[in-house]
Amino acid sequence: MRERLHALGVGAQVCDDALLVISELVTNVIAHTVSDRVECRLYIGAGHLRLEVEDQIRAHTLPAPRTPDPESQGGRGLLLVGAVSSAWGVKDAPHGPGRIVWAELPSRTEECH
């Protein structure tokens, strides 16, 4: 994905943030759904980069940030997504029982390393 972002002219910091967001969202699908397949998409628009992660079978609850126990090693994924993105949200997949979690980041033109 880093190479694709680089080819699109996405800035280094946004590239790192995008990789963090995708990693966290895919990890959530693996941890919280029984999906056999995960689909990742990215779109670049006027001044922003949109990332989407779609699962096949939605979990029983909507993804939401939570306050983790300070001693816990997990539970901070959506807090991180919220911290590095300008917006994020959840929508039902248009075809099938899955969900799409998306995040938008401001795009920049400095090179991705």
C-alpha atoms as a PDB file:
ATOM      1  CA  MET A   1       0.000   0.000   0.000  1.00  0.00           C
ATOM      2  CA  ARG A   2       2.914   2.328   0.714  1.00  0.00           C
ATOM      3  CA  GLU A   3       3.981   2.091  -2.939  1.00  0.00           C
ATOM      4  CA  ARG A   4       0.482   2.911  -4.155  1.00  0.00           C
ATOM      5  CA  LEU A   5       0.238   5.934  -1.862  1.00  0.00           C
ATOM      6  CA  HIS A   6       3.679   7.061  -2.989  1.00  0.00           C
ATOM      7  CA  ALA A   7       2.606   6.797  -6.635  1.00  0.00           C
ATOM      8  CA  LEU A   8      -0.445   8.946  -5.846  1.00  0.00           C
ATOM      9  CA  GLY A   9       1.789  11.656  -4.357  1.00  0.00           C
ATOM     10  CA  VAL A  10       0.507  11.256  -0.808  1.00  0.00           C
ATOM     11  CA  GLY A  11       2.674  12.980   1.817  1.00  0.00           C
ATOM     12  CA  ALA A  12       4.963  11.013   4.138  1.00  0.00           C
ATOM     13  CA  GLN A  13       3.005  11.732   7.327  1.00  0.00           C
ATOM     14  CA  VAL A  14      -0.330  10.972   5.665  1.00  0.00           C
ATOM     15  CA  CYS A  15       1.177   7.779   4.257  1.00  0.00           C
ATOM     16  CA  ASP A  16       2.222   6.649   7.740  1.00  0.00           C
ATOM     17  CA  ASP A  17      -1.189   7.611   9.142  1.00  0.00           C
ATOM     18  CA  ALA A  18      -2.973   5.740   6.334  1.00  0.00           C
ATOM     19  CA  LEU A  19      -0.969   2.584   7.012  1.00  0.00           C
ATOM     20  CA  LEU A  20      -1.814   2.852  10.719  1.00  0.00           C
ATOM     21  CA  VAL A  21      -5.531   3.314   9.952  1.00  0.00           C
ATOM     22  CA  ILE A  22      -5.679   0.358   7.544  1.00  0.00           C
ATOM     23  CA  SER A  23      -3.805  -1.835  10.015  1.00  0.00           C
ATOM     24  CA  GLU A  24      -6.157  -0.938  12.868  1.00  0.00           C
ATOM     25  CA  LEU A  25      -9.334  -1.374  10.801  1.00  0.00           C
ATOM     26  CA  VAL A  26      -8.257  -4.739   9.377  1.00  0.00           C
ATOM     27  CA  THR A  27      -7.247  -5.895  12.865  1.00  0.00           C
ATOM     28  CA  ASN A  28     -10.735  -4.972  14.100  1.00  0.00           C
ATOM     29  CA  VAL A  29     -12.363  -7.062  11.368  1.00  0.00           C
ATOM     30  CA  ILE A  30     -10.207 -10.041  12.324  1.00  0.00           C
ATOM     31  CA  ALA A  31     -10.827  -9.589  16.055  1.00  0.00           C
ATOM     32  CA  HIS A  32     -14.531  -8.705  16.056  1.00  0.00           C
ATOM     33  CA  THR A  33     -16.184 -10.453  13.095  1.00  0.00           C
ATOM     34  CA  VAL A  34     -16.311 -13.911  11.578  1.00  0.00           C
ATOM     35  CA  SER A  35     -15.589 -12.625   8.077  1.00  0.00           C
ATOM     36  CA  ASP A  36     -13.519 -14.833   5.811  1.00  0.00           C
ATOM     37  CA  ARG A  37     -12.694 -11.887   3.577  1.00  0.00           C
ATOM     38  CA  VAL A  38     -11.665  -8.274   4.088  1.00  0.00           C
ATOM     39  CA  GLU A  39     -11.693  -5.727   1.282  1.00  0.00           C
ATOM     40  CA  CYS A  40      -9.585  -2.562   1.495  1.00  0.00           C
ATOM     41  CA  ARG A  41     -10.085   0.430  -0.779  1.00  0.00           C
ATOM     42  CA  LEU A  42      -8.523   3.847  -1.062  1.00  0.00           C
ATOM     43  CA  TYR A  43      -9.695   6.915  -2.902  1.00  0.00           C
ATOM     44  CA  ILE A  44      -7.911  10.193  -3.323  1.00  0.00           C
ATOM     45  CA  GLY A  45     -10.030  13.298  -3.780  1.00  0.00           C
ATOM     46  CA  ALA A  46      -9.717  17.044  -3.569  1.00  0.00           C
ATOM     47  CA  GLY A  47      -7.538  17.496  -0.515  1.00  0.00           C
ATOM     48  CA  HIS A  48      -8.283  14.182   1.182  1.00  0.00           C
ATOM     49  CA  LEU A  49      -7.571  10.472   1.134  1.00  0.00           C
ATOM     50  CA  ARG A  50     -10.430   8.093   1.949  1.00  0.00           C
ATOM     51  CA  LEU A  51      -9.722   4.596   3.234  1.00  0.00           C
ATOM     52  CA  GLU A  52     -12.390   1.907   3.472  1.00  0.00           C
ATOM     53  CA  VAL A  53     -12.293  -1.549   5.023  1.00  0.00           C
ATOM     54  CA  GLU A  54     -15.253  -3.816   4.302  1.00  0.00           C
ATOM     55  CA  ASP A  55     -16.039  -7.030   6.113  1.00  0.00           C
ATOM     56  CA  GLN A  56     -18.276  -9.804   4.877  1.00  0.00           C
ATOM     57  CA  ILE A  57     -20.315 -10.398   7.994  1.00  0.00           C
ATOM     58  CA  ARG A  58     -20.995  -7.509  10.338  1.00  0.00           C
ATOM     59  CA  ALA A  59     -20.433  -7.833  14.055  1.00  0.00           C
ATOM     60  CA  HIS A  60     -23.419  -7.627  16.400  1.00  0.00           C
ATOM     61  CA  THR A  61     -22.401  -4.164  17.583  1.00  0.00           C
ATOM     62  CA  LEU A  62     -21.267  -1.050  15.755  1.00  0.00           C
ATOM     63  CA  PRO A  63     -17.579  -0.222  15.925  1.00  0.00           C
ATOM     64  CA  ALA A  64     -17.044   2.543  18.484  1.00  0.00           C
ATOM     65  CA  PRO A  65     -14.046   3.886  20.370  1.00  0.00           C
ATOM     66  CA  ARG A  66     -13.877   2.833  23.973  1.00  0.00           C
ATOM     67  CA  THR A  67     -11.790   3.753  26.953  1.00  0.00           C
ATOM     68  CA  PRO A  68      -9.487   0.781  27.505  1.00  0.00           C
ATOM     69  CA  ASP A  69      -8.138  -0.332  30.835  1.00  0.00           C
ATOM     70  CA  PRO A  70      -4.746   1.382  31.252  1.00  0.00           C
ATOM     71  CA  GLU A  71      -3.154  -2.048  31.805  1.00  0.00           C
ATOM     72  CA  SER A  72      -4.708  -3.537  28.650  1.00  0.00           C
ATOM     73  CA  GLN A  73      -2.547  -4.021  25.574  1.00  0.00           C
ATOM     74  CA  GLY A  74      -5.467  -3.607  23.162  1.00  0.00           C
ATOM     75  CA  GLY A  75      -8.635  -1.609  22.710  1.00  0.00           C
ATOM     76  CA  ARG A  76      -7.114   1.586  21.354  1.00  0.00           C
ATOM     77  CA  GLY A  77      -7.519   1.042  17.612  1.00  0.00           C
ATOM     78  CA  LEU A  78     -10.460   3.342  16.947  1.00  0.00           C
ATOM     79  CA  LEU A  79      -9.021   5.952  19.302  1.00  0.00           C
ATOM     80  CA  LEU A  80      -5.909   5.953  17.093  1.00  0.00           C
ATOM     81  CA  VAL A  81      -8.025   6.091  13.933  1.00  0.00           C
ATOM     82  CA  GLY A  82      -9.910   9.081  15.341  1.00  0.00           C
ATOM     83  CA  ALA A  83      -6.694  10.806  16.358  1.00  0.00           C
ATOM     84  CA  VAL A  84      -5.048  10.677  12.925  1.00  0.00           C
ATOM     85  CA  SER A  85      -8.092  11.066  10.665  1.00  0.00           C
ATOM     86  CA  SER A  86     -10.165  14.148   9.937  1.00  0.00           C
ATOM     87  CA  ALA A  87     -13.343  12.011   9.962  1.00  0.00           C
ATOM     88  CA  TRP A  88     -14.329   8.371  10.207  1.00  0.00           C
ATOM     89  CA  GLY A  89     -17.521   6.377  10.311  1.00  0.00           C
ATOM     90  CA  VAL A  90     -19.399   3.175   9.641  1.00  0.00           C
ATOM     91  CA  LYS A  91     -21.972   2.251   7.011  1.00  0.00           C
ATOM     92  CA  ASP A  92     -23.678  -0.941   5.914  1.00  0.00           C
ATOM     93  CA  ALA A  93     -22.201  -2.555   2.829  1.00  0.00           C
ATOM     94  CA  PRO A  94     -24.405  -1.897  -0.211  1.00  0.00           C
ATOM     95  CA  HIS A  95     -24.465  -5.578  -1.206  1.00  0.00           C
ATOM     96  CA  GLY A  96     -24.582  -8.274   1.437  1.00  0.00           C
ATOM     97  CA  PRO A  97     -24.490  -8.374   5.206  1.00  0.00           C
ATOM     98  CA  GLY A  98     -21.137  -6.651   5.727  1.00  0.00           C
ATOM     99  CA  ARG A  99     -20.101  -3.253   7.036  1.00  0.00           C
ATOM    100  CA  ILE A 100     -17.700  -0.638   5.776  1.00  0.00           C
ATOM    101  CA  VAL A 101     -15.595   1.347   8.219  1.00  0.00           C
ATOM    102  CA  TRP A 102     -14.061   4.390   6.542  1.00  0.00           C
ATOM    103  CA  ALA A 103     -11.637   7.126   7.482  1.00  0.00           C
ATOM    104  CA  GLU A 104     -10.559  10.311   5.737  1.00  0.00           C
ATOM    105  CA  LEU A 105      -7.167  11.942   6.056  1.00  0.00           C
ATOM    106  CA  PRO A 106      -6.017  15.232   4.579  1.00  0.00           C
ATOM    107  CA  SER A 107      -3.697  14.548   1.635  1.00  0.00           C
ATOM    108  CA  ARG A 108      -0.390  16.315   1.103  1.00  0.00           C
ATOM    109  CA  THR A 109       2.002  16.303  -1.809  1.00  0.00           C
ATOM    110  CA  GLU A 110       5.376  15.650  -0.136  1.00  0.00           C
ATOM    111  CA  GLU A 111       6.814  12.240  -0.987  1.00  0.00           C
ATOM    112  CA  CYS A 112       6.079   9.072   0.941  1.00  0.00           C
ATOM    113  CA  HIS A 113       9.313   7.388   2.156  1.00  0.00           C
END
